[in-house]
C-alpha atoms as a PDB file:
ATOM      1  CA  MET A   1       5.046   3.624  11.655  1.00  0.00           C
ATOM      2  CA  THR A   2       5.988   6.047   8.907  1.00  0.00           C
ATOM      3  CA  GLY A   3       9.390   7.451   8.090  1.00  0.00           C
ATOM      4  CA  GLN A   4      10.572  10.895   8.959  1.00  0.00           C
ATOM      5  CA  ALA A   5      10.974  12.408   5.505  1.00  0.00           C
ATOM      6  CA  ILE A   6       8.475  14.200   3.324  1.00  0.00           C
ATOM      7  CA  LEU A   7       8.500  12.886  -0.241  1.00  0.00           C
ATOM      8  CA  ILE A   8       8.178  15.482  -3.018  1.00  0.00           C
ATOM      9  CA  ILE A   9       7.130  14.009  -6.377  1.00  0.00           C
ATOM     10  CA  ASP A  10       7.293  16.674  -9.074  1.00  0.00           C
ATOM     11  CA  ASP A  11       8.825  16.741 -12.545  1.00  0.00           C
ATOM     12  CA  ASP A  12       9.638  20.456 -12.286  1.00  0.00           C
ATOM     13  CA  PRO A  13      13.039  20.912 -10.596  1.00  0.00           C
ATOM     14  CA  CYS A  14      12.190  24.507  -9.611  1.00  0.00           C
ATOM     15  CA  SER A  15       9.011  23.409  -7.836  1.00  0.00           C
ATOM     16  CA  ARG A  16      10.889  20.619  -6.046  1.00  0.00           C
ATOM     17  CA  LYS A  17      13.607  23.057  -4.961  1.00  0.00           C
ATOM     18  CA  LEU A  18      11.111  25.602  -3.642  1.00  0.00           C
ATOM     19  CA  ALA A  19       9.207  22.982  -1.630  1.00  0.00           C
ATOM     20  CA  ARG A  20      12.466  21.421  -0.414  1.00  0.00           C
ATOM     21  CA  ASP A  21      13.902  24.771   0.678  1.00  0.00           C
ATOM     22  CA  VAL A  22      10.760  25.867   2.538  1.00  0.00           C
ATOM     23  CA  LEU A  23      10.120  22.547   4.260  1.00  0.00           C
ATOM     24  CA  SER A  24      13.735  21.847   5.175  1.00  0.00           C
ATOM     25  CA  HIS A  25      13.935  25.368   6.636  1.00  0.00           C
ATOM     26  CA  VAL A  26      11.171  24.468   9.106  1.00  0.00           C
ATOM     27  CA  GLY A  27      12.862  21.188  10.021  1.00  0.00           C
ATOM     28  CA  TYR A  28      11.523  18.490   7.700  1.00  0.00           C
ATOM     29  CA  ALA A  29      13.795  15.938   6.052  1.00  0.00           C
ATOM     30  CA  ILE A  30      13.087  15.730   2.331  1.00  0.00           C
ATOM     31  CA  ARG A  31      13.245  13.006  -0.320  1.00  0.00           C
ATOM     32  CA  GLU A  32      12.531  13.750  -3.985  1.00  0.00           C
ATOM     33  CA  ALA A  33      11.456  12.062  -7.180  1.00  0.00           C
ATOM     34  CA  ALA A  34      10.934  13.527 -10.651  1.00  0.00           C
ATOM     35  CA  ASN A  35       8.255  11.037 -11.748  1.00  0.00           C
ATOM     36  CA  ALA A  36       5.526   8.868 -10.282  1.00  0.00           C
ATOM     37  CA  GLU A  37       7.323   5.574 -10.784  1.00  0.00           C
ATOM     38  CA  ASP A  38      10.419   6.658  -8.852  1.00  0.00           C
ATOM     39  CA  GLY A  39       8.218   8.333  -6.249  1.00  0.00           C
ATOM     40  CA  LEU A  40       6.198   5.158  -5.696  1.00  0.00           C
ATOM     41  CA  ALA A  41       9.404   3.135  -5.278  1.00  0.00           C
ATOM     42  CA  LEU A  42      10.582   5.595  -2.602  1.00  0.00           C
ATOM     43  CA  ALA A  43       7.173   5.587  -0.907  1.00  0.00           C
ATOM     44  CA  TYR A  44       7.145   1.785  -0.696  1.00  0.00           C
ATOM     45  CA  SER A  45      10.735   1.512   0.530  1.00  0.00           C
ATOM     46  CA  GLU A  46      10.874   4.481   2.909  1.00  0.00           C
ATOM     47  CA  ARG A  47       7.248   5.042   3.932  1.00  0.00           C
ATOM     48  CA  PRO A  48       7.453   8.847   4.194  1.00  0.00           C
ATOM     49  CA  ARG A  49       5.468  10.827   6.730  1.00  0.00           C
ATOM     50  CA  LEU A  50       3.719  12.706   3.877  1.00  0.00           C
ATOM     51  CA  VAL A  51       3.822  13.029   0.078  1.00  0.00           C
ATOM     52  CA  LEU A  52       3.569  16.236  -1.980  1.00  0.00           C
ATOM     53  CA  MET A  53       2.362  14.915  -5.354  1.00  0.00           C
ATOM     54  CA  ASP A  54       2.300  16.888  -8.580  1.00  0.00           C
ATOM     55  CA  VAL A  55      -0.902  15.937 -10.392  1.00  0.00           C
ATOM     56  CA  GLN A  56       0.416  16.353 -13.936  1.00  0.00           C
ATOM     57  CA  LEU A  57       3.454  14.104 -14.136  1.00  0.00           C
ATOM     58  CA  PRO A  58       5.002  12.572 -17.260  1.00  0.00           C
ATOM     59  CA  GLY A  59       4.031   8.938 -17.710  1.00  0.00           C
ATOM     60  CA  MET A  60       1.846   7.974 -14.767  1.00  0.00           C
ATOM     61  CA  SER A  61      -0.261  10.860 -13.435  1.00  0.00           C
ATOM     62  CA  GLY A  62      -0.305  11.905  -9.813  1.00  0.00           C
ATOM     63  CA  VAL A  63      -3.926  10.740  -9.548  1.00  0.00           C
ATOM     64  CA  ASP A  64      -2.972   7.260 -10.790  1.00  0.00           C
ATOM     65  CA  ALA A  65       0.017   7.169  -8.420  1.00  0.00           C
ATOM     66  CA  LEU A  66      -2.264   8.139  -5.537  1.00  0.00           C
ATOM     67  CA  GLY A  67      -4.546   5.232  -6.460  1.00  0.00           C
ATOM     68  CA  ARG A  68      -1.619   2.836  -6.174  1.00  0.00           C
ATOM     69  CA  LEU A  69      -0.589   4.264  -2.805  1.00  0.00           C
ATOM     70  CA  ARG A  70      -4.143   3.970  -1.468  1.00  0.00           C
ATOM     71  CA  ALA A  71      -4.512   0.396  -2.792  1.00  0.00           C
ATOM     72  CA  ASP A  72      -1.483  -0.866  -0.854  1.00  0.00           C
ATOM     73  CA  PRO A  73      -1.957  -1.377   2.907  1.00  0.00           C
ATOM     74  CA  VAL A  74       1.674  -0.357   3.498  1.00  0.00           C
ATOM     75  CA  THR A  75       1.172   3.136   2.031  1.00  0.00           C
ATOM     76  CA  ALA A  76      -2.607   3.639   2.238  1.00  0.00           C
ATOM     77  CA  GLY A  77      -2.431   5.806   5.361  1.00  0.00           C
ATOM     78  CA  ILE A  78       0.279   8.210   4.199  1.00  0.00           C
ATOM     79  CA  PRO A  79      -1.177  11.715   3.764  1.00  0.00           C
ATOM     80  CA  VAL A  80      -0.854  12.921   0.154  1.00  0.00           C
ATOM     81  CA  ILE A  81      -1.190  16.562  -0.874  1.00  0.00           C
ATOM     82  CA  ALA A  82      -2.048  17.365  -4.499  1.00  0.00           C
ATOM     83  CA  VAL A  83       0.201  20.046  -5.976  1.00  0.00           C
ATOM     84  CA  THR A  84      -1.139  21.424  -9.224  1.00  0.00           C
ATOM     85  CA  ALA A  85      -1.609  24.364 -11.533  1.00  0.00           C
ATOM     86  CA  LEU A  86      -5.231  23.241 -11.983  1.00  0.00           C
ATOM     87  CA  ALA A  87      -6.980  25.947 -10.001  1.00  0.00           C
ATOM     88  CA  MET A  88     -10.673  25.649 -10.840  1.00  0.00           C
ATOM     89  CA  LYS A  89     -13.145  24.815  -8.073  1.00  0.00           C
ATOM     90  CA  SER A  90     -14.114  21.652  -9.991  1.00  0.00           C
ATOM     91  CA  ASP A  91     -10.439  20.576 -10.060  1.00  0.00           C
ATOM     92  CA  ARG A  92     -10.207  20.882  -6.285  1.00  0.00           C
ATOM     93  CA  ALA A  93     -13.389  18.792  -5.874  1.00  0.00           C
ATOM     94  CA  ARG A  94     -12.156  16.169  -8.365  1.00  0.00           C
ATOM     95  CA  LEU A  95      -8.830  15.814  -6.557  1.00  0.00           C
ATOM     96  CA  ALA A  96     -10.524  15.573  -3.158  1.00  0.00           C
ATOM     97  CA  ALA A  97     -12.815  12.867  -4.573  1.00  0.00           C
ATOM     98  CA  ALA A  98      -9.732  11.027  -5.866  1.00  0.00           C
ATOM     99  CA  GLY A  99      -8.497  10.785  -2.268  1.00  0.00           C
ATOM    100  CA  PHE A 100      -5.946  13.548  -1.831  1.00  0.00           C
ATOM    101  CA  ASP A 101      -5.768  14.812   1.762  1.00  0.00           C
ATOM    102  CA  ALA A 102      -5.150  18.439   0.790  1.00  0.00           C
ATOM    103  CA  TYR A 103      -4.525  20.672  -2.206  1.00  0.00           C
ATOM    104  CA  LEU A 104      -1.886  23.270  -3.042  1.00  0.00           C
ATOM    105  CA  GLU A 105      -1.933  25.439  -6.153  1.00  0.00           C
ATOM    106  CA  LYS A 106       1.138  26.219  -8.226  1.00  0.00           C
ATOM    107  CA  PRO A 107       2.990  28.414  -7.983  1.00  0.00           C
ATOM    108  CA  LEU A 108       3.416  27.393  -4.368  1.00  0.00           C
ATOM    109  CA  ASP A 109       2.655  29.991  -1.727  1.00  0.00           C
ATOM    110  CA  VAL A 110       5.672  29.711   0.579  1.00  0.00           C
ATOM    111  CA  ARG A 111       3.701  31.195   3.472  1.00  0.00           C
ATOM    112  CA  LYS A 112       1.011  28.527   3.119  1.00  0.00           C
ATOM    113  CA  LEU A 113       3.100  25.431   2.308  1.00  0.00           C
ATOM    114  CA  ALA A 114       4.311  24.493   5.806  1.00  0.00           C
ATOM    115  CA  ALA A 115       0.871  25.141   7.323  1.00  0.00           C
ATOM    116  CA  VAL A 116      -0.873  22.872   4.795  1.00  0.00           C
ATOM    117  CA  VAL A 117       1.728  20.147   5.363  1.00  0.00           C
ATOM    118  CA  ALA A 118       1.328  20.342   9.150  1.00  0.00           C
ATOM    119  CA  ALA A 119      -2.485  20.274   8.862  1.00  0.00           C
ATOM    120  CA  ALA A 120      -2.422  17.269   6.494  1.00  0.00           C
ATOM    121  CA  GLU A 121      -0.193  15.353   8.893  1.00  0.00           C
ATOM    122  CA  THR A 122      -2.702  15.819  11.706  1.00  0.00           C
ATOM    123  CA  GLY A 123      -5.805  15.476   9.565  1.00  0.00           C
ATOM    124  CA  SER A 124      -6.887  19.042  10.333  1.00  0.00           C
ATOM    125  CA  PRO A 125      -8.184  21.524   7.770  1.00  0.00           C
ATOM    126  CA  ALA A 126      -5.527  24.019   6.681  1.00  0.00           C
END
């Protein structure tokens, strides 16, 4: 059983605020972390319903943090969406191969964000 909140892990406060504002507007509870280490601690303690993970974080990368989530049976099933400025087709394929459930490009498209989150929660394509 997962928690009710969506966890946003992003070192950019503006990106966190935009995602928080859009998702809270459509009814999601939000938790936030500015780095992978704090985000992992929240994921382990609160077991969010979904994680929005910036790929390029200071210290531990989002890809490495995803690996830790997937390696732990407690958090392995939580959907994780990559959020990144890396927009090449090869980047999308690399992140999918790493195990992300979906992909959002920065800057975030506010019209697309809630739809991608809802699709990732159900395992449907966005």
